[in-house]
C-alpha atoms as a PDB file:
ATOM      1  CA  MET A   1     -28.417 -58.093 -71.351  1.00  0.00           C
ATOM      2  CA  LYS A   2     -30.059 -55.414 -69.289  1.00  0.00           C
ATOM      3  CA  THR A   3     -30.860 -52.221 -71.143  1.00  0.00           C
ATOM      4  CA  LEU A   4     -29.858 -48.686 -70.221  1.00  0.00           C
ATOM      5  CA  SER A   5     -31.100 -45.331 -71.520  1.00  0.00           C
ATOM      6  CA  VAL A   6     -29.188 -42.131 -70.789  1.00  0.00           C
ATOM      7  CA  ILE A   7     -31.479 -39.116 -71.164  1.00  0.00           C
ATOM      8  CA  SER A   8     -29.962 -35.684 -71.611  1.00  0.00           C
ATOM      9  CA  PRO A   9     -31.960 -32.483 -72.185  1.00  0.00           C
ATOM     10  CA  VAL A  10     -30.255 -30.059 -74.560  1.00  0.00           C
ATOM     11  CA  PHE A  11     -30.730 -26.358 -75.238  1.00  0.00           C
ATOM     12  CA  ASN A  12     -28.211 -24.283 -77.224  1.00  0.00           C
ATOM     13  CA  GLU A  13     -25.179 -26.481 -76.494  1.00  0.00           C
ATOM     14  CA  GLU A  14     -23.449 -26.417 -79.879  1.00  0.00           C
ATOM     15  CA  GLU A  15     -20.084 -25.594 -78.264  1.00  0.00           C
ATOM     16  CA  VAL A  16     -20.007 -28.638 -75.995  1.00  0.00           C
ATOM     17  CA  ILE A  17     -22.513 -31.229 -77.220  1.00  0.00           C
ATOM     18  CA  GLU A  18     -20.087 -33.254 -79.361  1.00  0.00           C
ATOM     19  CA  GLN A  19     -17.504 -33.317 -76.588  1.00  0.00           C
ATOM     20  CA  PHE A  20     -20.162 -34.521 -74.153  1.00  0.00           C
ATOM     21  CA  TYR A  21     -21.338 -37.220 -76.559  1.00  0.00           C
ATOM     22  CA  ASN A  22     -17.786 -38.504 -77.100  1.00  0.00           C
ATOM     23  CA  GLU A  23     -17.083 -38.709 -73.366  1.00  0.00           C
ATOM     24  CA  LEU A  24     -20.437 -40.345 -72.597  1.00  0.00           C
ATOM     25  CA  LYS A  25     -20.061 -42.852 -75.453  1.00  0.00           C
ATOM     26  CA  ARG A  26     -16.584 -43.802 -74.257  1.00  0.00           C
ATOM     27  CA  VAL A  27     -17.867 -44.550 -70.751  1.00  0.00           C
ATOM     28  CA  LEU A  28     -20.806 -46.591 -72.053  1.00  0.00           C
ATOM     29  CA  THR A  29     -18.710 -48.684 -74.431  1.00  0.00           C
ATOM     30  CA  THR A  30     -15.712 -49.304 -72.182  1.00  0.00           C
ATOM     31  CA  GLU A  31     -16.971 -49.252 -68.570  1.00  0.00           C
ATOM     32  CA  VAL A  32     -20.569 -50.560 -68.708  1.00  0.00           C
ATOM     33  CA  ARG A  33     -20.342 -53.252 -71.356  1.00  0.00           C
ATOM     34  CA  GLU A  34     -22.796 -55.479 -69.491  1.00  0.00           C
ATOM     35  CA  TYR A  35     -25.615 -53.102 -70.480  1.00  0.00           C
ATOM     36  CA  ASP A  36     -27.128 -52.547 -73.910  1.00  0.00           C
ATOM     37  CA  SER A  37     -26.929 -48.754 -73.846  1.00  0.00           C
ATOM     38  CA  THR A  38     -28.853 -46.058 -75.693  1.00  0.00           C
ATOM     39  CA  ILE A  39     -28.280 -42.300 -75.589  1.00  0.00           C
ATOM     40  CA  LEU A  40     -31.338 -40.085 -75.903  1.00  0.00           C
ATOM     41  CA  PHE A  41     -30.949 -36.348 -76.469  1.00  0.00           C
ATOM     42  CA  VAL A  42     -34.098 -34.270 -75.965  1.00  0.00           C
ATOM     43  CA  VAL A  43     -33.546 -31.023 -77.853  1.00  0.00           C
ATOM     44  CA  ASP A  44     -35.588 -28.200 -76.353  1.00  0.00           C
ATOM     45  CA  ARG A  45     -35.916 -26.194 -79.587  1.00  0.00           C
ATOM     46  CA  SER A  46     -32.535 -24.528 -79.801  1.00  0.00           C
ATOM     47  CA  THR A  47     -31.657 -21.393 -81.728  1.00  0.00           C
ATOM     48  CA  ASP A  48     -28.127 -22.505 -82.602  1.00  0.00           C
ATOM     49  CA  HIS A  49     -26.768 -25.530 -84.532  1.00  0.00           C
ATOM     50  CA  THR A  50     -27.157 -28.084 -81.725  1.00  0.00           C
ATOM     51  CA  LEU A  51     -29.762 -30.152 -83.575  1.00  0.00           C
ATOM     52  CA  GLU A  52     -27.764 -30.230 -86.802  1.00  0.00           C
ATOM     53  CA  ILE A  53     -24.679 -31.463 -84.937  1.00  0.00           C
ATOM     54  CA  LEU A  54     -26.664 -34.210 -83.227  1.00  0.00           C
ATOM     55  CA  GLU A  55     -28.296 -35.268 -86.504  1.00  0.00           C
ATOM     56  CA  ARG A  56     -24.850 -35.668 -88.037  1.00  0.00           C
ATOM     57  CA  ILE A  57     -23.679 -37.797 -85.099  1.00  0.00           C
ATOM     58  CA  ALA A  58     -26.903 -39.863 -85.133  1.00  0.00           C
ATOM     59  CA  SER A  59     -26.440 -40.706 -88.804  1.00  0.00           C
ATOM     60  CA  ALA A  60     -23.315 -42.649 -87.842  1.00  0.00           C
ATOM     61  CA  ASP A  61     -24.551 -44.029 -84.493  1.00  0.00           C
ATOM     62  CA  PRO A  62     -27.911 -45.875 -84.483  1.00  0.00           C
ATOM     63  CA  ALA A  63     -27.699 -46.140 -80.673  1.00  0.00           C
ATOM     64  CA  LEU A  64     -28.142 -42.372 -80.470  1.00  0.00           C
ATOM     65  CA  LYS A  65     -31.754 -41.214 -80.458  1.00  0.00           C
ATOM     66  CA  ILE A  66     -33.030 -37.664 -80.722  1.00  0.00           C
ATOM     67  CA  LEU A  67     -36.325 -36.119 -79.700  1.00  0.00           C
ATOM     68  CA  ALA A  68     -36.643 -32.599 -81.103  1.00  0.00           C
ATOM     69  CA  LEU A  69     -39.382 -30.604 -79.369  1.00  0.00           C
ATOM     70  CA  SER A  70     -41.458 -28.097 -81.320  1.00  0.00           C
ATOM     71  CA  SER A  71     -40.955 -25.233 -78.857  1.00  0.00           C
ATOM     72  CA  ARG A  72     -39.053 -24.475 -75.681  1.00  0.00           C
ATOM     73  CA  PHE A  73     -40.918 -26.453 -73.039  1.00  0.00           C
ATOM     74  CA  GLY A  74     -38.197 -26.258 -70.400  1.00  0.00           C
ATOM     75  CA  HIS A  75     -35.681 -28.517 -68.690  1.00  0.00           C
ATOM     76  CA  GLN A  76     -38.191 -30.462 -66.576  1.00  0.00           C
ATOM     77  CA  MET A  77     -40.518 -31.221 -69.487  1.00  0.00           C
ATOM     78  CA  SER A  78     -37.541 -32.295 -71.594  1.00  0.00           C
ATOM     79  CA  LEU A  79     -36.643 -34.827 -68.917  1.00  0.00           C
ATOM     80  CA  LEU A  80     -40.253 -36.002 -68.803  1.00  0.00           C
ATOM     81  CA  ALA A  81     -40.300 -36.418 -72.595  1.00  0.00           C
ATOM     82  CA  GLY A  82     -37.243 -38.636 -72.338  1.00  0.00           C
ATOM     83  CA  ILE A  83     -38.773 -40.714 -69.540  1.00  0.00           C
ATOM     84  CA  ASP A  84     -41.974 -41.153 -71.567  1.00  0.00           C
ATOM     85  CA  VAL A  85     -40.199 -42.855 -74.472  1.00  0.00           C
ATOM     86  CA  ALA A  86     -37.696 -44.835 -72.389  1.00  0.00           C
ATOM     87  CA  ASP A  87     -38.356 -48.576 -72.300  1.00  0.00           C
ATOM     88  CA  SER A  88     -35.103 -49.698 -70.671  1.00  0.00           C
ATOM     89  CA  ASP A  89     -34.435 -51.521 -67.420  1.00  0.00           C
ATOM     90  CA  VAL A  90     -32.502 -48.490 -66.183  1.00  0.00           C
ATOM     91  CA  VAL A  91     -32.846 -44.790 -66.976  1.00  0.00           C
ATOM     92  CA  ILE A  92     -30.169 -42.226 -66.154  1.00  0.00           C
ATOM     93  CA  MET A  93     -30.819 -38.492 -66.441  1.00  0.00           C
ATOM     94  CA  MET A  94     -27.970 -36.014 -66.757  1.00  0.00           C
ATOM     95  CA  ASP A  95     -27.209 -32.587 -68.205  1.00  0.00           C
ATOM     96  CA  SER A  96     -25.175 -32.223 -71.386  1.00  0.00           C
ATOM     97  CA  ASP A  97     -22.835 -29.420 -70.283  1.00  0.00           C
ATOM     98  CA  LEU A  98     -20.303 -31.841 -68.672  1.00  0.00           C
ATOM     99  CA  GLN A  99     -21.015 -30.542 -65.165  1.00  0.00           C
ATOM    100  CA  HIS A 100     -22.505 -33.994 -64.567  1.00  0.00           C
ATOM    101  CA  PRO A 101     -19.521 -36.325 -65.166  1.00  0.00           C
ATOM    102  CA  PRO A 102     -20.268 -39.444 -67.266  1.00  0.00           C
ATOM    103  CA  SER A 103     -17.529 -41.227 -65.287  1.00  0.00           C
ATOM    104  CA  LEU A 104     -19.988 -41.481 -62.374  1.00  0.00           C
ATOM    105  CA  ILE A 105     -22.367 -43.744 -64.341  1.00  0.00           C
ATOM    106  CA  PRO A 106     -20.677 -47.047 -63.334  1.00  0.00           C
ATOM    107  CA  GLU A 107     -21.085 -46.103 -59.657  1.00  0.00           C
ATOM    108  CA  LEU A 108     -24.788 -45.351 -60.158  1.00  0.00           C
ATOM    109  CA  LEU A 109     -25.251 -48.728 -61.845  1.00  0.00           C
ATOM    110  CA  ARG A 110     -23.466 -50.521 -58.999  1.00  0.00           C
ATOM    111  CA  LYS A 111     -26.000 -49.040 -56.579  1.00  0.00           C
ATOM    112  CA  PHE A 112     -28.812 -50.174 -58.875  1.00  0.00           C
ATOM    113  CA  GLU A 113     -27.393 -53.698 -58.861  1.00  0.00           C
ATOM    114  CA  GLU A 114     -27.462 -53.568 -55.053  1.00  0.00           C
ATOM    115  CA  GLY A 115     -31.235 -53.167 -55.231  1.00  0.00           C
ATOM    116  CA  TYR A 116     -31.868 -49.400 -55.253  1.00  0.00           C
ATOM    117  CA  ASP A 117     -34.671 -48.082 -57.483  1.00  0.00           C
ATOM    118  CA  ILE A 118     -33.538 -44.459 -57.288  1.00  0.00           C
ATOM    119  CA  VAL A 119     -29.915 -43.371 -57.101  1.00  0.00           C
ATOM    120  CA  TYR A 120     -29.686 -39.605 -56.804  1.00  0.00           C
ATOM    121  CA  THR A 121     -26.519 -37.540 -56.816  1.00  0.00           C
ATOM    122  CA  ILE A 122     -25.378 -34.963 -54.282  1.00  0.00           C
ATOM    123  CA  ARG A 123     -23.433 -32.128 -55.823  1.00  0.00           C
ATOM    124  CA  GLN A 124     -20.328 -30.808 -54.135  1.00  0.00           C
ATOM    125  CA  ASP A 125     -19.579 -27.368 -55.504  1.00  0.00           C
ATOM    126  CA  GLY A 126     -16.279 -27.196 -57.318  1.00  0.00           C
ATOM    127  CA  GLY A 127     -16.031 -23.411 -57.074  1.00  0.00           C
ATOM    128  CA  GLU A 128     -17.779 -22.575 -60.342  1.00  0.00           C
ATOM    129  CA  THR A 129     -20.971 -21.351 -58.614  1.00  0.00           C
ATOM    130  CA  GLY A 130     -20.987 -17.763 -57.401  1.00  0.00           C
ATOM    131  CA  PRO A 131     -21.609 -16.972 -53.716  1.00  0.00           C
ATOM    132  CA  LEU A 132     -24.912 -15.203 -54.461  1.00  0.00           C
ATOM    133  CA  LYS A 133     -26.337 -18.212 -56.308  1.00  0.00           C
ATOM    134  CA  GLN A 134     -25.134 -20.562 -53.555  1.00  0.00           C
ATOM    135  CA  TRP A 135     -26.769 -18.417 -50.890  1.00  0.00           C
ATOM    136  CA  THR A 136     -30.097 -18.061 -52.718  1.00  0.00           C
ATOM    137  CA  SER A 137     -30.142 -21.809 -53.464  1.00  0.00           C
ATOM    138  CA  ARG A 138     -29.610 -22.683 -49.803  1.00  0.00           C
ATOM    139  CA  LEU A 139     -32.253 -20.155 -48.774  1.00  0.00           C
ATOM    140  CA  PHE A 140     -34.805 -21.634 -51.191  1.00  0.00           C
ATOM    141  CA  TYR A 141     -34.273 -25.252 -50.124  1.00  0.00           C
ATOM    142  CA  ARG A 142     -34.350 -24.391 -46.434  1.00  0.00           C
ATOM    143  CA  PHE A 143     -37.562 -22.463 -46.937  1.00  0.00           C
ATOM    144  CA  ILE A 144     -39.300 -25.151 -49.016  1.00  0.00           C
ATOM    145  CA  ASN A 145     -38.231 -27.868 -46.561  1.00  0.00           C
ATOM    146  CA  SER A 146     -39.668 -25.818 -43.704  1.00  0.00           C
ATOM    147  CA  VAL A 147     -43.116 -25.650 -45.357  1.00  0.00           C
ATOM    148  CA  SER A 148     -43.214 -28.958 -47.249  1.00  0.00           C
ATOM    149  CA  GLN A 149     -43.984 -32.420 -45.882  1.00  0.00           C
ATOM    150  CA  VAL A 150     -41.730 -33.956 -48.569  1.00  0.00           C
ATOM    151  CA  PRO A 151     -38.017 -33.505 -47.770  1.00  0.00           C
ATOM    152  CA  ILE A 152     -35.984 -32.232 -50.712  1.00  0.00           C
ATOM    153  CA  LEU A 153     -32.226 -32.572 -50.419  1.00  0.00           C
ATOM    154  CA  GLU A 154     -30.505 -29.209 -50.718  1.00  0.00           C
ATOM    155  CA  SER A 155     -27.577 -30.288 -52.895  1.00  0.00           C
ATOM    156  CA  ALA A 156     -29.424 -32.879 -54.988  1.00  0.00           C
ATOM    157  CA  ALA A 157     -28.971 -32.547 -58.751  1.00  0.00           C
ATOM    158  CA  ASP A 158     -31.030 -33.608 -61.772  1.00  0.00           C
ATOM    159  CA  PHE A 159     -28.399 -36.302 -62.306  1.00  0.00           C
ATOM    160  CA  ARG A 160     -30.035 -39.527 -61.172  1.00  0.00           C
ATOM    161  CA  LEU A 161     -30.770 -43.155 -61.965  1.00  0.00           C
ATOM    162  CA  ILE A 162     -34.252 -44.669 -61.822  1.00  0.00           C
ATOM    163  CA  SER A 163     -35.440 -48.216 -62.382  1.00  0.00           C
ATOM    164  CA  ARG A 164     -38.023 -49.262 -64.964  1.00  0.00           C
ATOM    165  CA  ARG A 165     -40.830 -49.434 -62.394  1.00  0.00           C
ATOM    166  CA  VAL A 166     -40.176 -45.865 -61.226  1.00  0.00           C
ATOM    167  CA  ALA A 167     -40.126 -44.690 -64.852  1.00  0.00           C
ATOM    168  CA  ARG A 168     -43.482 -46.376 -65.456  1.00  0.00           C
ATOM    169  CA  ILE A 169     -45.050 -44.438 -62.580  1.00  0.00           C
ATOM    170  CA  PHE A 170     -44.092 -41.182 -64.300  1.00  0.00           C
ATOM    171  CA  GLN A 171     -45.220 -42.524 -67.680  1.00  0.00           C
ATOM    172  CA  GLN A 172     -48.638 -43.687 -66.506  1.00  0.00           C
ATOM    173  CA  GLU A 173     -49.625 -42.112 -63.186  1.00  0.00           C
ATOM    174  CA  ILE A 174     -47.825 -38.838 -62.407  1.00  0.00           C
ATOM    175  CA  ARG A 175     -49.017 -36.585 -65.217  1.00  0.00           C
ATOM    176  CA  GLU A 176     -49.406 -33.228 -63.499  1.00  0.00           C
ATOM    177  CA  ARG A 177     -48.269 -30.030 -65.215  1.00  0.00           C
ATOM    178  CA  ASN A 178     -45.397 -27.856 -63.974  1.00  0.00           C
ATOM    179  CA  GLN A 179     -43.597 -30.867 -62.528  1.00  0.00           C
ATOM    180  CA  PHE A 180     -40.891 -30.272 -59.936  1.00  0.00           C
ATOM    181  CA  LEU A 181     -38.988 -33.517 -60.474  1.00  0.00           C
ATOM    182  CA  ARG A 182     -36.570 -33.177 -57.559  1.00  0.00           C
ATOM    183  CA  GLY A 183     -39.520 -33.160 -55.198  1.00  0.00           C
ATOM    184  CA  LEU A 184     -41.497 -35.821 -57.065  1.00  0.00           C
ATOM    185  CA  PHE A 185     -38.648 -38.336 -56.975  1.00  0.00           C
ATOM    186  CA  SER A 186     -38.519 -37.862 -53.198  1.00  0.00           C
ATOM    187  CA  TRP A 187     -42.295 -38.168 -52.964  1.00  0.00           C
ATOM    188  CA  VAL A 188     -42.610 -41.497 -54.834  1.00  0.00           C
ATOM    189  CA  GLY A 189     -40.458 -43.244 -52.238  1.00  0.00           C
ATOM    190  CA  PHE A 190     -38.912 -46.641 -53.095  1.00  0.00           C
ATOM    191  CA  LYS A 191     -35.468 -47.713 -51.990  1.00  0.00           C
ATOM    192  CA  ASN A 192     -33.066 -44.874 -52.730  1.00  0.00           C
ATOM    193  CA  ILE A 193     -29.529 -43.775 -51.989  1.00  0.00           C
ATOM    194  CA  GLY A 194     -27.308 -40.789 -52.735  1.00  0.00           C
ATOM    195  CA  VAL A 195     -23.900 -40.662 -54.411  1.00  0.00           C
ATOM    196  CA  GLN A 196     -21.667 -37.636 -54.049  1.00  0.00           C
ATOM    197  CA  PHE A 197     -19.857 -36.031 -56.962  1.00  0.00           C
ATOM    198  CA  LYS A 198     -17.818 -32.915 -57.468  1.00  0.00           C
ATOM    199  CA  SER A 199     -19.396 -30.568 -59.977  1.00  0.00           C
ATOM    200  CA  ARG A 200     -17.164 -29.558 -62.860  1.00  0.00           C
ATOM    201  CA  ALA A 201     -17.086 -26.189 -64.531  1.00  0.00           C
ATOM    202  CA  ARG A 202     -19.022 -25.880 -67.768  1.00  0.00           C
ATOM    203  CA  ALA A 203     -16.872 -26.898 -70.726  1.00  0.00           C
ATOM    204  CA  ALA A 204     -18.331 -24.024 -72.775  1.00  0.00           C
ATOM    205  CA  GLY A 205     -21.258 -21.628 -72.840  1.00  0.00           C
ATOM    206  CA  GLY A 206     -23.272 -20.397 -69.894  1.00  0.00           C
ATOM    207  CA  SER A 207     -26.252 -21.359 -67.775  1.00  0.00           C
ATOM    208  CA  LYS A 208     -29.577 -21.493 -69.613  1.00  0.00           C
ATOM    209  CA  TYR A 209     -31.540 -20.631 -66.457  1.00  0.00           C
ATOM    210  CA  SER A 210     -32.186 -16.896 -66.356  1.00  0.00           C
ATOM    211  CA  VAL A 211     -33.233 -15.198 -63.111  1.00  0.00           C
ATOM    212  CA  GLY A 212     -36.845 -15.263 -64.308  1.00  0.00           C
ATOM    213  CA  ARG A 213     -36.746 -19.003 -65.073  1.00  0.00           C
ATOM    214  CA  LEU A 214     -35.082 -19.740 -61.730  1.00  0.00           C
ATOM    215  CA  PHE A 215     -37.824 -17.808 -59.938  1.00  0.00           C
ATOM    216  CA  GLN A 216     -40.489 -19.680 -61.928  1.00  0.00           C
ATOM    217  CA  PHE A 217     -38.799 -22.992 -61.108  1.00  0.00           C
ATOM    218  CA  ALA A 218     -38.805 -22.110 -57.395  1.00  0.00           C
ATOM    219  CA  ALA A 219     -42.461 -21.035 -57.513  1.00  0.00           C
ATOM    220  CA  HIS A 220     -43.473 -24.330 -59.152  1.00  0.00           C
ATOM    221  CA  GLY A 221     -41.614 -26.255 -56.466  1.00  0.00           C
ATOM    222  CA  LEU A 222     -43.299 -24.321 -53.668  1.00  0.00           C
ATOM    223  CA  VAL A 223     -46.807 -24.578 -55.129  1.00  0.00           C
ATOM    224  CA  SER A 224     -46.398 -28.285 -55.933  1.00  0.00           C
ATOM    225  CA  PHE A 225     -45.376 -29.375 -52.461  1.00  0.00           C
ATOM    226  CA  SER A 226     -46.886 -27.018 -49.930  1.00  0.00           C
ATOM    227  CA  LYS A 227     -50.247 -25.475 -48.994  1.00  0.00           C
ATOM    228  CA  ARG A 228     -48.765 -23.525 -46.122  1.00  0.00           C
ATOM    229  CA  PRO A 229     -48.534 -20.193 -47.969  1.00  0.00           C
ATOM    230  CA  LEU A 230     -52.337 -20.349 -48.256  1.00  0.00           C
ATOM    231  CA  GLN A 231     -52.616 -21.199 -44.570  1.00  0.00           C
ATOM    232  CA  ALA A 232     -50.234 -18.359 -43.723  1.00  0.00           C
ATOM    233  CA  ALA A 233     -52.613 -15.954 -45.449  1.00  0.00           C
ATOM    234  CA  ILE A 234     -55.331 -16.952 -42.975  1.00  0.00           C
ATOM    235  CA  TYR A 235     -53.081 -16.574 -39.919  1.00  0.00           C
ATOM    236  CA  ILE A 236     -51.636 -13.232 -40.976  1.00  0.00           C
ATOM    237  CA  GLY A 237     -55.115 -12.001 -41.925  1.00  0.00           C
ATOM    238  CA  VAL A 238     -56.427 -12.870 -38.443  1.00  0.00           C
ATOM    239  CA  LEU A 239     -53.400 -11.201 -36.831  1.00  0.00           C
ATOM    240  CA  PHE A 240     -53.908  -7.957 -38.737  1.00  0.00           C
ATOM    241  CA  ALA A 241     -57.632  -8.066 -38.054  1.00  0.00           C
ATOM    242  CA  PHE A 242     -56.920  -8.137 -34.304  1.00  0.00           C
ATOM    243  CA  LEU A 243     -54.429  -5.309 -34.713  1.00  0.00           C
ATOM    244  CA  GLY A 244     -57.066  -3.347 -36.614  1.00  0.00           C
ATOM    245  CA  PHE A 245     -59.659  -3.881 -33.888  1.00  0.00           C
ATOM    246  CA  ALA A 246     -57.128  -2.882 -31.214  1.00  0.00           C
ATOM    247  CA  LEU A 247     -56.261   0.291 -33.106  1.00  0.00           C
ATOM    248  CA  ALA A 248     -59.948   1.107 -33.544  1.00  0.00           C
ATOM    249  CA  LEU A 249     -60.481   0.685 -29.793  1.00  0.00           C
ATOM    250  CA  LEU A 250     -57.514   2.927 -28.963  1.00  0.00           C
ATOM    251  CA  THR A 251     -58.740   5.541 -31.412  1.00  0.00           C
ATOM    252  CA  LEU A 252     -62.195   5.491 -29.851  1.00  0.00           C
ATOM    253  CA  ILE A 253     -60.767   5.859 -26.327  1.00  0.00           C
ATOM    254  CA  ALA A 254     -58.541   8.746 -27.443  1.00  0.00           C
ATOM    255  CA  TYR A 255     -61.515  10.449 -29.079  1.00  0.00           C
ATOM    256  CA  LEU A 256     -63.681  10.114 -25.953  1.00  0.00           C
ATOM    257  CA  THR A 257     -60.984  11.205 -23.482  1.00  0.00           C
ATOM    258  CA  ASP A 258     -59.223  13.872 -25.484  1.00  0.00           C
ATOM    259  CA  ARG A 259     -61.379  15.749 -27.961  1.00  0.00           C
ATOM    260  CA  SER A 260     -58.336  17.743 -29.151  1.00  0.00           C
ATOM    261  CA  ALA A 261     -56.590  14.603 -30.494  1.00  0.00           C
ATOM    262  CA  PRO A 262     -55.381  14.937 -34.101  1.00  0.00           C
ATOM    263  CA  PRO A 263     -57.567  13.336 -36.816  1.00  0.00           C
ATOM    264  CA  GLY A 264     -55.181  10.391 -37.281  1.00  0.00           C
ATOM    265  CA  TRP A 265     -53.854  11.032 -40.735  1.00  0.00           C
ATOM    266  CA  ALA A 266     -50.449   9.519 -39.819  1.00  0.00           C
ATOM    267  CA  THR A 267     -52.084   6.278 -38.715  1.00  0.00           C
ATOM    268  CA  LEU A 268     -54.023   6.037 -41.952  1.00  0.00           C
ATOM    269  CA  ALA A 269     -50.948   6.887 -44.014  1.00  0.00           C
ATOM    270  CA  ILE A 270     -49.094   3.970 -42.382  1.00  0.00           C
ATOM    271  CA  LEU A 271     -51.842   1.363 -42.199  1.00  0.00           C
ATOM    272  CA  ILE A 272     -53.293   1.731 -45.692  1.00  0.00           C
ATOM    273  CA  PRO A 273     -50.005   0.885 -47.491  1.00  0.00           C
ATOM    274  CA  VAL A 274     -49.281  -1.940 -45.016  1.00  0.00           C
ATOM    275  CA  PHE A 275     -52.680  -3.578 -45.407  1.00  0.00           C
ATOM    276  CA  SER A 276     -52.677  -3.015 -49.166  1.00  0.00           C
ATOM    277  CA  GLY A 277     -49.221  -4.600 -49.472  1.00  0.00           C
ATOM    278  CA  ILE A 278     -50.239  -7.636 -47.412  1.00  0.00           C
ATOM    279  CA  GLN A 279     -53.368  -8.090 -49.514  1.00  0.00           C
ATOM    280  CA  LEU A 280     -51.448  -7.841 -52.785  1.00  0.00           C
ATOM    281  CA  ILE A 281     -48.840 -10.345 -51.588  1.00  0.00           C
ATOM    282  CA  PHE A 282     -51.457 -12.937 -50.773  1.00  0.00           C
ATOM    283  CA  LEU A 283     -53.399 -12.206 -53.916  1.00  0.00           C
ATOM    284  CA  GLY A 284     -50.180 -13.132 -55.699  1.00  0.00           C
ATOM    285  CA  VAL A 285     -49.910 -16.337 -53.651  1.00  0.00           C
ATOM    286  CA  LEU A 286     -53.506 -17.206 -54.510  1.00  0.00           C
ATOM    287  CA  GLY A 287     -52.754 -16.386 -58.132  1.00  0.00           C
ATOM    288  CA  GLU A 288     -49.935 -18.951 -58.224  1.00  0.00           C
ATOM    289  CA  TYR A 289     -52.219 -21.712 -56.953  1.00  0.00           C
ATOM    290  CA  VAL A 290     -55.080 -20.675 -59.243  1.00  0.00           C
ATOM    291  CA  GLY A 291     -52.624 -20.591 -62.152  1.00  0.00           C
ATOM    292  CA  ALA A 292     -51.511 -24.141 -61.338  1.00  0.00           C
ATOM    293  CA  ILE A 293     -55.163 -25.246 -61.337  1.00  0.00           C
ATOM    294  CA  PHE A 294     -55.696 -23.410 -64.631  1.00  0.00           C
ATOM    295  CA  ASP A 295     -52.791 -25.288 -66.235  1.00  0.00           C
ATOM    296  CA  GLU A 296     -54.266 -28.613 -65.100  1.00  0.00           C
ATOM    297  CA  VAL A 297     -57.774 -27.774 -66.313  1.00  0.00           C
ATOM    298  CA  LYS A 298     -56.582 -26.798 -69.802  1.00  0.00           C
ATOM    299  CA  ASN A 299     -55.140 -30.308 -70.145  1.00  0.00           C
ATOM    300  CA  ARG A 300     -52.674 -29.300 -72.829  1.00  0.00           C
ATOM    301  CA  PRO A 301     -49.887 -31.765 -73.643  1.00  0.00           C
ATOM    302  CA  HIS A 302     -46.770 -31.495 -71.529  1.00  0.00           C
ATOM    303  CA  TYR A 303     -44.671 -31.102 -74.677  1.00  0.00           C
ATOM    304  CA  ILE A 304     -44.930 -31.548 -78.444  1.00  0.00           C
ATOM    305  CA  VAL A 305     -42.403 -33.608 -80.417  1.00  0.00           C
ATOM    306  CA  GLU A 306     -41.511 -32.166 -83.821  1.00  0.00           C
ATOM    307  CA  LYS A 307     -39.012 -34.799 -84.945  1.00  0.00           C
ATOM    308  CA  LYS A 308     -37.798 -38.251 -83.915  1.00  0.00           C
ATOM    309  CA  ILE A 309     -34.490 -39.619 -85.118  1.00  0.00           C
ATOM    310  CA  ASN A 310     -33.370 -43.288 -84.899  1.00  0.00           C
ATOM    311  CA  PHE A 311     -36.686 -44.411 -83.395  1.00  0.00           C
ATOM    312  CA  ARG A 312     -38.515 -47.498 -84.564  1.00  0.00           C
ATOM    313  CA  GLU A 313     -42.097 -46.765 -85.528  1.00  0.00           C
END
């Protein structure tokens, strides 16, 4: 039998985690019997009773594995932790809030059987996402696709299937920090195809991505896949330098032709804030890239596992 691992990152999902497990287990045992299936929950150090609930379930189900991380390393690193320990023929990644329907798994596996190494999903909004979040999401993906050489599908979700050989690339070769997995899975290539699904409303609880974490996620994606913000700093700097020289020339002509011209305090009052703002913006851009280099140089582990449950030593 071929083997299948379903990886699901978890953070503070005590209200829905058992319901998700029951639905996922039903699909795996009744609709994909031709695969020897394992469920792997990666618990990103929760502050509620999520881990205790999963430990209770795992005590009765040896096919359920748990990786409990020592701190909150984030959604992307939780997925990476699951990929690192997966040794199955097929790996499926999905969220545990039931917005990613387990009923779609048989369709993903059918595409795998047709020869696809990566089967990604395309989310169709079911009305649970607010208009502001939809608009900002579209704006981000259009912007990053305009500056990146790697196309990233706007509606793609972190609900995907990958083959063993794709998983091994992430286990052995792609070990950068601050990974933006949606872009990396596009970058690695291989034969891939998309499957559409309609996103469901969360069964309970709320989104774990705050505005700050969403901004950080977007910044990591931009820094990981584009150097154009750095190039833009050069172009805009040259443009403002020419404007500065032109203004200096005009000021000199005005001084030579009209000695009664005002000292130019208004010009200075306008230009100093403009130039200072531009400089600070691009110092921030440089800071993001330098920070990414700093993370790589420190060479800290991507995550730390505190506890493993139902793993063979």
